Amino acid sequence: MKNEDGLSAFHLACLNTADHVAHALKKFLIFKAQVNPNQKTARGETAAHLCASHDRHYAALEFLATSGLDLTMVAL
């Protein structure tokens, strides 16, 4: 499911700046719920794109880069 802006729960978790909670949620969504981390918003952006757009999401971008995910589909 996505909201009216095309953001999924995973996108929103990545944009959450309360990283101590958001990291656990991201891990759950990826590794337990098997959410595709490369899913795109209505505008064609992945979570990594969204996180790279602003410094306040650096921790989430770092999480994505170091969690063992294949982010090769990410292209700006």
PDB file of N, CA and C in Angstrom:
ATOM      1  N   MET A   1       0.840  -1.185   0.000  1.00  0.00           N
ATOM      2  CA  MET A   1       0.000   0.000   0.000  1.00  0.00           C
ATOM      3  C   MET A   1       0.880   1.241   0.000  1.00  0.00           C
ATOM      4  N   LYS A   2       0.377   2.247  -0.671  1.00  0.00           N
ATOM      5  CA  LYS A   2       1.082   3.524  -0.718  1.00  0.00           C
ATOM      6  C   LYS A   2       0.106   4.649  -0.387  1.00  0.00           C
ATOM      7  N   ASN A   3       0.641   5.738   0.128  1.00  0.00           N
ATOM      8  CA  ASN A   3      -0.213   6.889   0.428  1.00  0.00           C
ATOM      9  C   ASN A   3      -0.452   7.714  -0.838  1.00  0.00           C
ATOM     10  N   GLU A   4      -1.109   8.837  -0.703  1.00  0.00           N
ATOM     11  CA  GLU A   4      -1.463   9.650  -1.867  1.00  0.00           C
ATOM     12  C   GLU A   4      -0.246  10.220  -2.601  1.00  0.00           C
ATOM     13  N   ASP A   5       0.908  10.247  -1.931  1.00  0.00           N
ATOM     14  CA  ASP A   5       2.147  10.706  -2.574  1.00  0.00           C
ATOM     15  C   ASP A   5       2.948   9.552  -3.164  1.00  0.00           C
ATOM     16  N   GLY A   6       2.395   8.336  -3.089  1.00  0.00           N
ATOM     17  CA  GLY A   6       3.082   7.173  -3.630  1.00  0.00           C
ATOM     18  C   GLY A   6       4.154   6.621  -2.715  1.00  0.00           C
ATOM     19  N   LEU A   7       4.130   6.991  -1.436  1.00  0.00           N
ATOM     20  CA  LEU A   7       5.121   6.516  -0.473  1.00  0.00           C
ATOM     21  C   LEU A   7       4.592   5.292   0.266  1.00  0.00           C
ATOM     22  N   SER A   8       5.423   4.258   0.340  1.00  0.00           N
ATOM     23  CA  SER A   8       5.065   3.048   1.080  1.00  0.00           C
ATOM     24  C   SER A   8       5.518   3.193   2.531  1.00  0.00           C
ATOM     25  N   ALA A   9       5.181   2.207   3.345  1.00  0.00           N
ATOM     26  CA  ALA A   9       5.629   2.195   4.739  1.00  0.00           C
ATOM     27  C   ALA A   9       7.158   2.196   4.805  1.00  0.00           C
ATOM     28  N   PHE A  10       7.807   1.510   3.872  1.00  0.00           N
ATOM     29  CA  PHE A  10       9.268   1.483   3.852  1.00  0.00           C
ATOM     30  C   PHE A  10       9.845   2.854   3.544  1.00  0.00           C
ATOM     31  N   HIS A  11       9.274   3.545   2.558  1.00  0.00           N
ATOM     32  CA  HIS A  11       9.744   4.904   2.242  1.00  0.00           C
ATOM     33  C   HIS A  11       9.611   5.794   3.475  1.00  0.00           C
ATOM     34  N   LEU A  12       8.472   5.710   4.139  1.00  0.00           N
ATOM     35  CA  LEU A  12       8.241   6.551   5.316  1.00  0.00           C
ATOM     36  C   LEU A  12       9.191   6.191   6.451  1.00  0.00           C
ATOM     37  N   ALA A  13       9.471   4.910   6.635  1.00  0.00           N
ATOM     38  CA  ALA A  13      10.424   4.500   7.669  1.00  0.00           C
ATOM     39  C   ALA A  13      11.807   5.069   7.379  1.00  0.00           C
ATOM     40  N   CYS A  14      12.190   5.100   6.117  1.00  0.00           N
ATOM     41  CA  CYS A  14      13.496   5.647   5.746  1.00  0.00           C
ATOM     42  C   CYS A  14      13.562   7.160   5.953  1.00  0.00           C
ATOM     43  N   LEU A  15      12.437   7.821   5.817  1.00  0.00           N
ATOM     44  CA  LEU A  15      12.408   9.275   6.003  1.00  0.00           C
ATOM     45  C   LEU A  15      12.205   9.684   7.459  1.00  0.00           C
ATOM     46  N   ASN A  16      11.940   8.718   8.321  1.00  0.00           N
ATOM     47  CA  ASN A  16      11.749   8.988   9.743  1.00  0.00           C
ATOM     48  C   ASN A  16      13.102   9.335  10.357  1.00  0.00           C
ATOM     49  N   THR A  17      13.176  10.456  11.041  1.00  0.00           N
ATOM     50  CA  THR A  17      14.452  10.888  11.620  1.00  0.00           C
ATOM     51  C   THR A  17      14.674  10.343  13.024  1.00  0.00           C
ATOM     52  N   ALA A  18      13.727   9.615  13.594  1.00  0.00           N
ATOM     53  CA  ALA A  18      13.903   8.964  14.896  1.00  0.00           C
ATOM     54  C   ALA A  18      14.562   7.610  14.637  1.00  0.00           C
ATOM     55  N   ASP A  19      15.848   7.635  14.320  1.00  0.00           N
ATOM     56  CA  ASP A  19      16.541   6.460  13.803  1.00  0.00           C
ATOM     57  C   ASP A  19      16.546   5.258  14.726  1.00  0.00           C
ATOM     58  N   HIS A  20      16.504   5.475  16.036  1.00  0.00           N
ATOM     59  CA  HIS A  20      16.524   4.315  16.939  1.00  0.00           C
ATOM     60  C   HIS A  20      15.286   3.444  16.740  1.00  0.00           C
ATOM     61  N   VAL A  21      14.181   4.018  16.375  1.00  0.00           N
ATOM     62  CA  VAL A  21      12.956   3.267  16.085  1.00  0.00           C
ATOM     63  C   VAL A  21      12.909   2.892  14.611  1.00  0.00           C
ATOM     64  N   ALA A  22      13.262   3.809  13.750  1.00  0.00           N
ATOM     65  CA  ALA A  22      13.146   3.604  12.308  1.00  0.00           C
ATOM     66  C   ALA A  22      14.068   2.500  11.802  1.00  0.00           C
ATOM     67  N   HIS A  23      15.268   2.360  12.365  1.00  0.00           N
ATOM     68  CA  HIS A  23      16.168   1.298  11.914  1.00  0.00           C
ATOM     69  C   HIS A  23      15.546  -0.076  12.183  1.00  0.00           C
ATOM     70  N   ALA A  24      14.942  -0.247  13.329  1.00  0.00           N
ATOM     71  CA  ALA A  24      14.294  -1.526  13.647  1.00  0.00           C
ATOM     72  C   ALA A  24      13.141  -1.785  12.689  1.00  0.00           C
ATOM     73  N   LEU A  25      12.392  -0.758  12.362  1.00  0.00           N
ATOM     74  CA  LEU A  25      11.275  -0.908  11.436  1.00  0.00           C
ATOM     75  C   LEU A  25      11.782  -1.233  10.036  1.00  0.00           C
ATOM     76  N   LYS A  26      12.825  -0.549   9.585  1.00  0.00           N
ATOM     77  CA  LYS A  26      13.392  -0.832   8.265  1.00  0.00           C
ATOM     78  C   LYS A  26      13.885  -2.274   8.189  1.00  0.00           C
ATOM     79  N   LYS A  27      14.584  -2.726   9.232  1.00  0.00           N
ATOM     80  CA  LYS A  27      15.073  -4.102   9.261  1.00  0.00           C
ATOM     81  C   LYS A  27      13.904  -5.084   9.181  1.00  0.00           C
ATOM     82  N   PHE A  28      12.861  -4.825   9.947  1.00  0.00           N
ATOM     83  CA  PHE A  28      11.692  -5.706   9.921  1.00  0.00           C
ATOM     84  C   PHE A  28      11.073  -5.745   8.528  1.00  0.00           C
ATOM     85  N   LEU A  29      10.863  -4.578   7.942  1.00  0.00           N
ATOM     86  CA  LEU A  29      10.214  -4.521   6.631  1.00  0.00           C
ATOM     87  C   LEU A  29      11.034  -5.227   5.555  1.00  0.00           C
ATOM     88  N   ILE A  30      12.348  -5.086   5.607  1.00  0.00           N
ATOM     89  CA  ILE A  30      13.200  -5.700   4.584  1.00  0.00           C
ATOM     90  C   ILE A  30      13.377  -7.198   4.820  1.00  0.00           C
ATOM     91  N   PHE A  31      13.784  -7.551   6.036  1.00  0.00           N
ATOM     92  CA  PHE A  31      14.215  -8.926   6.278  1.00  0.00           C
ATOM     93  C   PHE A  31      13.102  -9.870   6.732  1.00  0.00           C
ATOM     94  N   LYS A  32      12.047  -9.353   7.328  1.00  0.00           N
ATOM     95  CA  LYS A  32      10.938 -10.214   7.771  1.00  0.00           C
ATOM     96  C   LYS A  32       9.738 -10.110   6.842  1.00  0.00           C
ATOM     97  N   ALA A  33       9.354  -8.894   6.493  1.00  0.00           N
ATOM     98  CA  ALA A  33       8.193  -8.704   5.615  1.00  0.00           C
ATOM     99  C   ALA A  33       8.583  -8.788   4.142  1.00  0.00           C
ATOM    100  N   GLN A  34       9.871  -8.863   3.868  1.00  0.00           N
ATOM    101  CA  GLN A  34      10.426  -9.002   2.520  1.00  0.00           C
ATOM    102  C   GLN A  34       9.954  -7.902   1.560  1.00  0.00           C
ATOM    103  N   VAL A  35       9.973  -6.684   2.062  1.00  0.00           N
ATOM    104  CA  VAL A  35       9.656  -5.520   1.238  1.00  0.00           C
ATOM    105  C   VAL A  35      10.837  -5.260   0.300  1.00  0.00           C
ATOM    106  N   ASN A  36      10.557  -4.926  -0.925  1.00  0.00           N
ATOM    107  CA  ASN A  36      11.597  -4.604  -1.892  1.00  0.00           C
ATOM    108  C   ASN A  36      12.136  -3.205  -1.581  1.00  0.00           C
ATOM    109  N   PRO A  37      13.407  -3.081  -1.176  1.00  0.00           N
ATOM    110  CA  PRO A  37      13.957  -1.766  -0.848  1.00  0.00           C
ATOM    111  C   PRO A  37      14.100  -0.859  -2.070  1.00  0.00           C
ATOM    112  N   ASN A  38      13.984  -1.418  -3.265  1.00  0.00           N
ATOM    113  CA  ASN A  38      14.087  -0.628  -4.483  1.00  0.00           C
ATOM    114  C   ASN A  38      12.734  -0.260  -5.076  1.00  0.00           C
ATOM    115  N   GLN A  39      11.652  -0.482  -4.308  1.00  0.00           N
ATOM    116  CA  GLN A  39      10.343  -0.080  -4.812  1.00  0.00           C
ATOM    117  C   GLN A  39      10.326   1.423  -5.006  1.00  0.00           C
ATOM    118  N   LYS A  40       9.562   1.866  -5.979  1.00  0.00           N
ATOM    119  CA  LYS A  40       9.575   3.280  -6.349  1.00  0.00           C
ATOM    120  C   LYS A  40       8.284   3.987  -5.952  1.00  0.00           C
ATOM    121  N   THR A  41       8.428   5.273  -5.698  1.00  0.00           N
ATOM    122  CA  THR A  41       7.275   6.119  -5.414  1.00  0.00           C
ATOM    123  C   THR A  41       6.543   6.410  -6.724  1.00  0.00           C
ATOM    124  N   ALA A  42       5.476   7.149  -6.636  1.00  0.00           N
ATOM    125  CA  ALA A  42       4.733   7.543  -7.834  1.00  0.00           C
ATOM    126  C   ALA A  42       5.604   8.394  -8.764  1.00  0.00           C
ATOM    127  N   ARG A  43       6.630   9.038  -8.199  1.00  0.00           N
ATOM    128  CA  ARG A  43       7.534   9.873  -9.003  1.00  0.00           C
ATOM    129  C   ARG A  43       8.775   9.111  -9.457  1.00  0.00           C
ATOM    130  N   GLY A  44       8.835   7.794  -9.175  1.00  0.00           N
ATOM    131  CA  GLY A  44       9.947   6.981  -9.630  1.00  0.00           C
ATOM    132  C   GLY A  44      11.169   6.992  -8.734  1.00  0.00           C
ATOM    133  N   GLU A  45      11.027   7.424  -7.488  1.00  0.00           N
ATOM    134  CA  GLU A  45      12.155   7.503  -6.561  1.00  0.00           C
ATOM    135  C   GLU A  45      12.179   6.289  -5.636  1.00  0.00           C
ATOM    136  N   THR A  46      13.367   5.778  -5.358  1.00  0.00           N
ATOM    137  CA  THR A  46      13.523   4.727  -4.359  1.00  0.00           C
ATOM    138  C   THR A  46      13.750   5.394  -2.996  1.00  0.00           C
ATOM    139  N   ALA A  47      13.770   4.578  -1.949  1.00  0.00           N
ATOM    140  CA  ALA A  47      14.052   5.111  -0.610  1.00  0.00           C
ATOM    141  C   ALA A  47      15.436   5.748  -0.578  1.00  0.00           C
ATOM    142  N   ALA A  48      16.390   5.137  -1.264  1.00  0.00           N
ATOM    143  CA  ALA A  48      17.746   5.710  -1.304  1.00  0.00           C
ATOM    144  C   ALA A  48      17.737   7.081  -1.973  1.00  0.00           C
ATOM    145  N   HIS A  49      16.955   7.244  -3.040  1.00  0.00           N
ATOM    146  CA  HIS A  49      16.835   8.559  -3.679  1.00  0.00           C
ATOM    147  C   HIS A  49      16.305   9.580  -2.687  1.00  0.00           C
ATOM    148  N   LEU A  50      15.244   9.193  -1.983  1.00  0.00           N
ATOM    149  CA  LEU A  50      14.625  10.109  -1.031  1.00  0.00           C
ATOM    150  C   LEU A  50      15.604  10.494   0.078  1.00  0.00           C
ATOM    151  N   CYS A  51      16.335   9.510   0.585  1.00  0.00           N
ATOM    152  CA  CYS A  51      17.277   9.776   1.674  1.00  0.00           C
ATOM    153  C   CYS A  51      18.460  10.617   1.213  1.00  0.00           C
ATOM    154  N   ALA A  52      18.878  10.435  -0.021  1.00  0.00           N
ATOM    155  CA  ALA A  52      20.019  11.185  -0.543  1.00  0.00           C
ATOM    156  C   ALA A  52      19.680  12.646  -0.809  1.00  0.00           C
ATOM    157  N   SER A  53      18.404  12.977  -0.804  1.00  0.00           N
ATOM    158  CA  SER A  53      17.993  14.334  -1.140  1.00  0.00           C
ATOM    159  C   SER A  53      18.179  15.334  -0.005  1.00  0.00           C
ATOM    160  N   HIS A  54      18.460  14.853   1.213  1.00  0.00           N
ATOM    161  CA  HIS A  54      18.602  15.779   2.334  1.00  0.00           C
ATOM    162  C   HIS A  54      19.531  15.181   3.385  1.00  0.00           C
ATOM    163  N   ASP A  55      20.421  15.991   3.952  1.00  0.00           N
ATOM    164  CA  ASP A  55      21.393  15.530   4.938  1.00  0.00           C
ATOM    165  C   ASP A  55      20.755  14.930   6.184  1.00  0.00           C
ATOM    166  N   ARG A  56      19.559  15.353   6.542  1.00  0.00           N
ATOM    167  CA  ARG A  56      18.963  14.841   7.780  1.00  0.00           C
ATOM    168  C   ARG A  56      18.616  13.351   7.665  1.00  0.00           C
ATOM    169  N   HIS A  57      18.653  12.794   6.461  1.00  0.00           N
ATOM    170  CA  HIS A  57      18.364  11.378   6.251  1.00  0.00           C
ATOM    171  C   HIS A  57      19.636  10.559   6.030  1.00  0.00           C
ATOM    172  N   TYR A  58      20.775  11.138   6.404  1.00  0.00           N
ATOM    173  CA  TYR A  58      22.051  10.459   6.196  1.00  0.00           C
ATOM    174  C   TYR A  58      22.097   9.105   6.898  1.00  0.00           C
ATOM    175  N   ALA A  59      21.593   9.034   8.126  1.00  0.00           N
ATOM    176  CA  ALA A  59      21.638   7.774   8.879  1.00  0.00           C
ATOM    177  C   ALA A  59      20.845   6.679   8.162  1.00  0.00           C
ATOM    178  N   ALA A  60      19.710   7.028   7.585  1.00  0.00           N
ATOM    179  CA  ALA A  60      18.915   6.046   6.851  1.00  0.00           C
ATOM    180  C   ALA A  60      19.634   5.617   5.575  1.00  0.00           C
ATOM    181  N   LEU A  61      20.257   6.553   4.887  1.00  0.00           N
ATOM    182  CA  LEU A  61      21.015   6.218   3.683  1.00  0.00           C
ATOM    183  C   LEU A  61      22.202   5.320   4.038  1.00  0.00           C
ATOM    184  N   GLU A  62      22.859   5.619   5.130  1.00  0.00           N
ATOM    185  CA  GLU A  62      23.961   4.786   5.603  1.00  0.00           C
ATOM    186  C   GLU A  62      23.452   3.380   5.935  1.00  0.00           C
ATOM    187  N   PHE A  63      22.289   3.294   6.581  1.00  0.00           N
ATOM    188  CA  PHE A  63      21.687   1.994   6.872  1.00  0.00           C
ATOM    189  C   PHE A  63      21.455   1.209   5.585  1.00  0.00           C
ATOM    190  N   LEU A  64      20.873   1.840   4.595  1.00  0.00           N
ATOM    191  CA  LEU A  64      20.597   1.169   3.327  1.00  0.00           C
ATOM    192  C   LEU A  64      21.888   0.680   2.678  1.00  0.00           C
ATOM    193  N   ALA A  65      22.918   1.490   2.735  1.00  0.00           N
ATOM    194  CA  ALA A  65      24.188   1.146   2.088  1.00  0.00           C
ATOM    195  C   ALA A  65      24.941   0.035   2.816  1.00  0.00           C
ATOM    196  N   THR A  66      24.738  -0.096   4.125  1.00  0.00           N
ATOM    197  CA  THR A  66      25.512  -1.064   4.905  1.00  0.00           C
ATOM    198  C   THR A  66      24.713  -2.289   5.336  1.00  0.00           C
ATOM    199  N   SER A  67      23.480  -2.405   4.907  1.00  0.00           N
ATOM    200  CA  SER A  67      22.633  -3.510   5.371  1.00  0.00           C
ATOM    201  C   SER A  67      22.725  -4.742   4.483  1.00  0.00           C
ATOM    202  N   GLY A  68      23.603  -4.735   3.523  1.00  0.00           N
ATOM    203  CA  GLY A  68      23.759  -5.876   2.652  1.00  0.00           C
ATOM    204  C   GLY A  68      22.775  -5.923   1.491  1.00  0.00           C
ATOM    205  N   LEU A  69      22.078  -4.835   1.266  1.00  0.00           N
ATOM    206  CA  LEU A  69      21.100  -4.770   0.173  1.00  0.00           C
ATOM    207  C   LEU A  69      21.794  -4.480  -1.145  1.00  0.00           C
ATOM    208  N   ASP A  70      21.217  -4.946  -2.210  1.00  0.00           N
ATOM    209  CA  ASP A  70      21.728  -4.631  -3.535  1.00  0.00           C
ATOM    210  C   ASP A  70      21.075  -3.335  -3.992  1.00  0.00           C
ATOM    211  N   LEU A  71      21.833  -2.274  -3.950  1.00  0.00           N
ATOM    212  CA  LEU A  71      21.312  -0.970  -4.335  1.00  0.00           C
ATOM    213  C   LEU A  71      21.776  -0.573  -5.727  1.00  0.00           C
ATOM    214  N   THR A  72      22.186  -1.537  -6.520  1.00  0.00           N
ATOM    215  CA  THR A  72      22.681  -1.224  -7.861  1.00  0.00           C
ATOM    216  C   THR A  72      21.595  -0.672  -8.761  1.00  0.00           C
ATOM    217  N   MET A  73      20.324  -0.876  -8.392  1.00  0.00           N
ATOM    218  CA  MET A  73      19.230  -0.335  -9.183  1.00  0.00           C
ATOM    219  C   MET A  73      19.064   1.168  -8.959  1.00  0.00           C
ATOM    220  N   VAL A  74      19.744   1.691  -7.943  1.00  0.00           N
ATOM    221  CA  VAL A  74      19.611   3.101  -7.601  1.00  0.00           C
ATOM    222  C   VAL A  74      20.415   3.931  -8.581  1.00  0.00           C
ATOM    223  N   ALA A  75      19.740   4.793  -9.291  1.00  0.00           N
ATOM    224  CA  ALA A  75      20.405   5.705 -10.206  1.00  0.00           C
ATOM    225  C   ALA A  75      19.723   7.053 -10.119  1.00  0.00           C
ATOM    226  N   LEU A  76      20.498   8.090  -9.949  1.00  0.00           N
ATOM    227  CA  LEU A  76      19.924   9.432  -9.843  1.00  0.00           C
ATOM    228  C   LEU A  76      19.873  10.094 -11.202  1.00  0.00           C
TER     229      LEU A  76
END
